[in-house]
Protein backbone atom coordinates (compact mmCIF):
# COMPACT_ATOMS: atom_id res chain seq x y z
CA MET A 1 -59.84 -145.51 -77.84
CA SER A 2 -59.32 -146.50 -81.50
CA TYR A 3 -57.26 -149.49 -82.59
CA SER A 4 -54.65 -147.24 -84.31
CA LEU A 5 -54.10 -145.09 -81.23
CA LYS A 6 -53.84 -148.12 -78.96
CA LYS A 7 -51.28 -149.70 -81.26
CA PHE A 8 -49.27 -146.49 -81.43
CA LEU A 9 -49.24 -146.07 -77.65
CA ARG A 10 -48.01 -149.65 -77.22
CA ASN A 11 -44.94 -148.86 -79.32
CA ARG A 12 -42.32 -147.80 -76.78
CA LEU A 13 -39.84 -146.69 -79.41
CA ALA A 14 -42.46 -144.40 -80.94
CA LEU A 15 -43.26 -142.93 -77.53
CA PHE A 16 -39.54 -142.38 -76.94
CA GLY A 17 -39.35 -140.57 -80.29
CA MET A 18 -42.36 -138.42 -79.42
CA VAL A 19 -40.85 -137.45 -76.07
CA MET A 20 -37.52 -136.52 -77.67
CA ILE A 21 -39.24 -134.46 -80.39
CA LEU A 22 -41.23 -132.68 -77.71
CA LEU A 23 -38.08 -131.93 -75.72
CA PHE A 24 -36.25 -130.63 -78.79
CA SER A 25 -39.27 -128.50 -79.68
CA ILE A 26 -39.44 -127.02 -76.18
CA ALA A 27 -35.70 -126.31 -76.29
CA ALA A 28 -36.06 -124.57 -79.66
CA ILE A 29 -39.12 -122.50 -78.73
CA PHE A 30 -37.86 -121.41 -75.32
CA ALA A 31 -34.16 -121.18 -76.24
CA PRO A 32 -33.92 -117.47 -75.27
CA PHE A 33 -35.16 -118.34 -71.77
CA ILE A 34 -33.29 -121.63 -71.32
CA ALA A 35 -29.90 -120.63 -72.70
CA PRO A 36 -27.59 -119.49 -69.90
CA HIS A 37 -25.64 -117.22 -72.26
CA PRO A 38 -26.29 -115.38 -75.54
CA PRO A 39 -25.40 -117.75 -78.40
CA ASN A 40 -23.09 -115.32 -80.20
CA LYS A 41 -21.42 -113.70 -77.20
CA GLN A 42 -17.67 -114.29 -77.08
CA PHE A 43 -16.41 -114.68 -73.53
CA PHE A 44 -12.85 -113.70 -72.68
CA GLU A 45 -12.85 -116.40 -70.01
CA GLY A 46 -14.32 -118.85 -72.53
CA LEU A 47 -10.87 -119.65 -73.88
CA SER A 48 -7.82 -121.08 -72.19
CA ILE A 49 -4.58 -119.15 -71.79
CA GLU A 50 -3.41 -120.71 -75.06
CA GLY A 51 -6.62 -119.57 -76.78
CA ALA A 52 -8.16 -123.06 -76.99
CA PRO A 53 -11.85 -123.91 -76.32
CA LEU A 54 -12.73 -124.96 -72.79
CA PRO A 55 -14.16 -128.39 -71.98
CA PRO A 56 -17.49 -128.72 -70.13
CA ASN A 57 -17.41 -126.99 -66.75
CA THR A 58 -19.74 -125.42 -64.19
CA LYS A 59 -20.11 -122.13 -66.11
CA PHE A 60 -20.17 -123.53 -69.64
CA TRP A 61 -22.07 -126.80 -69.30
CA LEU A 62 -21.04 -128.24 -72.66
CA GLY A 63 -17.83 -126.27 -73.00
CA THR A 64 -17.04 -123.44 -75.40
CA ASP A 65 -16.24 -123.23 -79.09
CA LEU A 66 -13.16 -121.83 -80.80
CA LEU A 67 -14.43 -118.24 -80.30
CA GLY A 68 -15.23 -118.66 -76.60
CA ARG A 69 -18.99 -118.94 -77.08
CA SER A 70 -21.21 -121.20 -75.01
CA LEU A 71 -21.72 -124.46 -76.90
CA PHE A 72 -24.86 -125.30 -74.90
CA SER A 73 -26.50 -122.00 -75.87
CA ARG A 74 -25.55 -122.42 -79.51
CA LEU A 75 -26.98 -125.94 -79.56
CA LEU A 76 -30.29 -124.67 -78.15
CA PHE A 77 -30.57 -121.99 -80.82
CA GLY A 78 -29.31 -124.47 -83.42
CA ALA A 79 -32.33 -126.64 -82.62
CA ARG A 80 -34.47 -123.77 -83.92
CA THR A 81 -32.63 -123.83 -87.22
CA SER A 82 -32.85 -127.60 -87.65
CA LEU A 83 -36.53 -127.88 -86.71
CA LEU A 84 -37.59 -124.81 -88.69
CA ILE A 85 -35.82 -125.94 -91.85
CA GLY A 86 -36.86 -129.56 -91.27
CA ILE A 87 -40.55 -128.76 -90.95
CA ALA A 88 -40.70 -125.94 -93.52
CA ALA A 89 -38.58 -127.64 -96.20
CA ASN A 90 -40.18 -131.04 -95.80
CA GLY A 91 -43.66 -129.52 -95.69
CA ALA A 92 -42.98 -127.70 -98.95
CA ALA A 93 -41.53 -130.85 -100.51
CA VAL A 94 -44.61 -132.88 -99.53
CA LEU A 95 -46.94 -130.21 -100.95
CA ILE A 96 -45.03 -130.00 -104.24
CA GLY A 97 -44.72 -133.75 -104.59
CA ALA A 98 -48.34 -134.41 -103.65
CA PHE A 99 -49.66 -131.75 -106.05
CA LEU A 100 -47.65 -133.01 -109.02
CA GLY A 101 -48.31 -136.66 -108.19
CA ILE A 102 -52.07 -136.16 -107.90
CA ILE A 103 -52.27 -134.11 -111.11
CA ALA A 104 -50.18 -136.62 -113.06
CA GLY A 105 -52.12 -139.58 -111.69
CA TYR A 106 -55.55 -138.11 -112.34
CA VAL A 107 -55.04 -136.34 -115.67
CA LYS A 108 -52.66 -138.92 -117.21
CA GLY A 109 -52.15 -138.40 -120.95
CA PHE A 110 -49.44 -136.05 -122.18
CA LEU A 111 -49.45 -133.85 -119.06
CA GLY A 112 -49.18 -136.77 -116.67
CA THR A 113 -46.40 -138.35 -118.71
CA ALA A 114 -44.49 -135.06 -118.91
CA ILE A 115 -44.71 -134.56 -115.14
CA MET A 116 -43.49 -138.07 -114.37
CA ARG A 117 -40.65 -137.92 -116.90
CA PHE A 118 -39.53 -134.67 -115.29
CA THR A 119 -39.74 -136.43 -111.92
CA ASP A 120 -37.59 -139.27 -113.27
CA LEU A 121 -35.09 -136.71 -114.55
CA MET A 122 -34.87 -135.09 -111.11
CA MET A 123 -34.44 -138.50 -109.47
CA ALA A 124 -31.45 -139.18 -111.75
CA PHE A 125 -29.46 -136.43 -110.01
CA PRO A 126 -28.00 -137.20 -106.56
CA ALA A 127 -29.97 -135.08 -104.10
CA LEU A 128 -26.91 -133.92 -102.18
CA LEU A 129 -25.00 -132.81 -105.28
CA LEU A 130 -28.06 -131.02 -106.65
CA ALA A 131 -28.61 -129.31 -103.29
CA ILE A 132 -24.97 -128.20 -103.18
CA ALA A 133 -25.23 -126.80 -106.72
CA LEU A 134 -28.44 -124.89 -105.97
CA ALA A 135 -27.09 -123.60 -102.64
CA ALA A 136 -23.94 -122.38 -104.41
CA ILE A 137 -26.00 -120.50 -107.02
CA PHE A 138 -28.19 -118.71 -104.47
CA ASN A 139 -26.91 -116.72 -101.51
CA PRO A 140 -27.46 -119.19 -98.65
CA SER A 141 -29.77 -118.10 -95.86
CA LEU A 142 -32.17 -119.95 -93.63
CA TRP A 143 -35.12 -119.71 -96.04
CA ILE A 144 -33.00 -120.23 -99.15
CA VAL A 145 -31.61 -123.45 -97.64
CA ALA A 146 -35.16 -124.58 -96.83
CA LEU A 147 -36.23 -123.84 -100.43
CA VAL A 148 -33.23 -125.67 -101.88
CA ILE A 149 -33.93 -128.76 -99.77
CA ALA A 150 -37.61 -128.69 -100.76
CA LEU A 151 -36.67 -128.52 -104.46
CA VAL A 152 -34.58 -131.70 -104.24
CA ASN A 153 -36.79 -133.74 -101.87
CA TRP A 154 -40.19 -133.69 -103.60
CA VAL A 155 -39.49 -136.36 -106.21
CA GLN A 156 -39.93 -139.47 -104.04
CA ILE A 157 -43.28 -138.39 -102.61
CA ALA A 158 -44.44 -137.42 -106.12
CA ARG A 159 -43.71 -140.92 -107.39
CA VAL A 160 -45.49 -142.59 -104.47
CA ILE A 161 -48.57 -140.33 -104.67
CA TYR A 162 -48.74 -140.78 -108.44
CA SER A 163 -48.89 -144.56 -108.08
CA GLN A 164 -51.59 -144.41 -105.42
CA THR A 165 -53.64 -141.85 -107.36
CA VAL A 166 -53.58 -143.99 -110.52
CA THR A 167 -54.80 -146.96 -108.48
CA LEU A 168 -57.57 -144.93 -106.84
CA VAL A 169 -58.96 -143.30 -109.99
CA GLU A 170 -59.30 -146.71 -111.60
CA GLN A 171 -61.57 -147.97 -108.82
CA GLU A 172 -65.17 -148.74 -109.72
CA TYR A 173 -66.63 -146.26 -107.24
CA ILE A 174 -64.67 -143.43 -108.89
CA GLU A 175 -66.03 -144.47 -112.28
CA ALA A 176 -69.56 -144.51 -110.82
CA ILE A 177 -69.14 -141.04 -109.33
CA ARG A 178 -67.76 -139.73 -112.62
CA SER A 179 -70.65 -141.28 -114.56
CA ILE A 180 -73.25 -139.35 -112.56
CA GLY A 181 -71.57 -136.07 -113.45
CA ALA A 182 -69.39 -135.32 -110.42
CA SER A 183 -66.88 -132.55 -111.13
CA TRP A 184 -63.16 -133.28 -111.04
CA PRO A 185 -62.58 -131.07 -107.94
CA ARG A 186 -65.19 -133.07 -106.05
CA ILE A 187 -63.69 -136.36 -107.18
CA LEU A 188 -60.19 -135.29 -106.17
CA PHE A 189 -60.83 -133.54 -102.88
CA VAL A 190 -63.69 -135.71 -101.59
CA HIS A 191 -62.93 -139.17 -102.94
CA VAL A 192 -59.20 -139.32 -103.75
CA VAL A 193 -57.18 -137.01 -101.48
CA PRO A 194 -58.65 -138.36 -98.18
CA HIS A 195 -57.26 -141.79 -99.09
CA LEU A 196 -53.80 -140.28 -99.54
CA TRP A 197 -53.60 -138.67 -96.10
CA PRO A 198 -51.99 -141.68 -94.34
CA THR A 199 -49.19 -141.76 -96.92
CA LEU A 200 -48.69 -138.00 -96.73
CA LEU A 201 -48.57 -138.12 -92.93
CA VAL A 202 -45.98 -140.91 -92.87
CA TRP A 203 -43.81 -139.30 -95.53
CA GLY A 204 -44.19 -135.93 -93.85
CA THR A 205 -42.80 -137.39 -90.62
CA LEU A 206 -40.04 -139.54 -92.07
CA GLY A 207 -38.98 -136.77 -94.43
CA ILE A 208 -38.18 -134.40 -91.58
CA ALA A 209 -35.37 -136.72 -90.47
CA THR A 210 -33.90 -136.68 -93.99
CA THR A 211 -34.26 -132.91 -94.17
CA VAL A 212 -32.50 -132.38 -90.84
CA LEU A 213 -29.60 -134.53 -92.02
CA LEU A 214 -29.41 -132.75 -95.37
CA GLU A 215 -29.43 -129.32 -93.72
CA ALA A 216 -26.65 -130.40 -91.37
CA THR A 217 -24.67 -131.77 -94.32
CA LEU A 218 -25.01 -128.54 -96.31
CA SER A 219 -23.96 -126.48 -93.29
CA PHE A 220 -21.01 -128.80 -92.67
CA LEU A 221 -19.92 -128.34 -96.30
CA GLY A 222 -20.14 -124.57 -95.92
CA VAL A 223 -23.11 -124.00 -98.25
CA GLY A 224 -25.84 -124.05 -95.62
CA VAL A 225 -27.05 -121.50 -93.10
CA ARG A 226 -24.49 -118.73 -92.78
CA PRO A 227 -22.88 -117.64 -89.48
CA PRO A 228 -23.58 -116.18 -87.02
CA THR A 229 -26.92 -118.10 -87.16
CA PRO A 230 -26.30 -121.21 -85.05
CA SER A 231 -26.61 -124.50 -86.90
CA TRP A 232 -25.63 -127.96 -85.72
CA GLY A 233 -23.90 -128.76 -88.98
CA GLY A 234 -22.28 -125.33 -88.98
CA ILE A 235 -20.89 -125.90 -85.47
CA ILE A 236 -19.22 -129.11 -86.66
CA TYR A 237 -17.93 -127.32 -89.77
CA GLU A 238 -16.38 -124.54 -87.69
CA SER A 239 -14.77 -127.04 -85.31
CA GLN A 240 -13.06 -129.34 -87.82
CA SER A 241 -9.57 -128.24 -86.87
CA TYR A 242 -10.29 -128.94 -83.18
CA PHE A 243 -11.64 -132.47 -83.73
CA LEU A 244 -8.91 -134.10 -81.62
CA ASP A 245 -8.17 -131.29 -79.17
CA ALA A 246 -11.82 -130.42 -78.42
CA PRO A 247 -13.94 -133.47 -79.33
CA TRP A 248 -16.99 -132.09 -77.47
CA LEU A 249 -17.42 -129.53 -80.26
CA VAL A 250 -18.18 -132.39 -82.66
CA PHE A 251 -19.72 -134.96 -80.32
CA PHE A 252 -22.55 -132.85 -78.86
CA PRO A 253 -23.92 -131.37 -82.13
CA GLY A 254 -23.44 -134.73 -83.85
CA ALA A 255 -25.38 -136.46 -81.07
CA ALA A 256 -28.17 -133.87 -81.35
CA ILE A 257 -28.46 -134.42 -85.11
CA MET A 258 -28.52 -138.20 -84.68
CA LEU A 259 -31.05 -138.14 -81.84
CA LEU A 260 -33.49 -135.77 -83.58
CA SER A 261 -33.32 -137.71 -86.85
CA LEU A 262 -33.74 -141.02 -85.03
CA SER A 263 -36.77 -139.69 -83.15
CA PHE A 264 -38.59 -138.66 -86.33
CA ASN A 265 -37.73 -142.00 -87.93
CA LEU A 266 -39.12 -143.93 -84.96
CA VAL A 267 -42.36 -141.96 -85.01
CA GLY A 268 -42.66 -142.24 -88.80
CA ASP A 269 -42.12 -146.01 -88.73
CA ALA A 270 -44.76 -146.38 -86.01
CA LEU A 271 -47.25 -144.28 -87.99
CA ARG A 272 -46.61 -146.39 -91.08
CA ASP A 273 -47.33 -149.58 -89.14
CA VAL A 274 -50.44 -148.10 -87.54
CA LEU A 275 -51.90 -146.59 -90.70
CA ASP A 276 -51.15 -149.58 -92.94
CA PRO A 277 -54.43 -151.54 -93.16
CA THR A 278 -52.55 -154.75 -94.08
CA GLN A 279 -51.00 -154.77 -90.60
CA ARG A 280 -54.29 -154.84 -88.73
CA GLY A 281 -55.00 -157.98 -86.80
CA ARG A 282 -51.40 -159.16 -86.85
CA ASP A 283 -50.61 -158.17 -83.26
């Protein structure tokens, strides 16, 4: 067993994060089979005589929402939304950022400078405000929200990959390879990109946590995934007026958002420690 794997398996917090991610993934994939009720079905008995949501009980395990729908079922299907947007949006952001960072770092000159100045310009705008503006322009849907999040989250990874690419292409072995006539695709894909994989893997993991939070924030502000598609942030948004009378409508989706984001952060931090060569031999 390699040193990196041994070190990762010794990290109990990382293992906890992996287990929680696995459980959330299973819940999202098998939501139609696990959910005791359809997520959008409104039950007449799901509301009290006064028309208020019901607290957790034997039929509705986590209670009901303001329309008499099963909160547990909606949370299960909401996990699909959060994970799908988290993985898709962050994956797209990493690809965009890595592509622009590698091109700018390798080519340099006018093109590299133009790409990095555009990156600096994008970093000057608050990501949340920019995401809200883009979401307001487009008609929000699951894939539009994922695209919007990707368009505001690529700048950090582009800056990091640019710095590492510049350092790599200035190494003596790259100069030697270039001097013997190696083509630029061979230099990039054989001798540069493999050294960037640890950074991409860590950012790809940590970025999912940020993406999940941003999606929940957009849904809470009413510019995210549209009803009736279940979304954790959307559930909180719909339940604002019942915050005191039905706190379970805010607590359970909020806890799910926090736990999923924390799990990806724990795994990402562990991967960063494991893949960082400067940490070897310190344990």
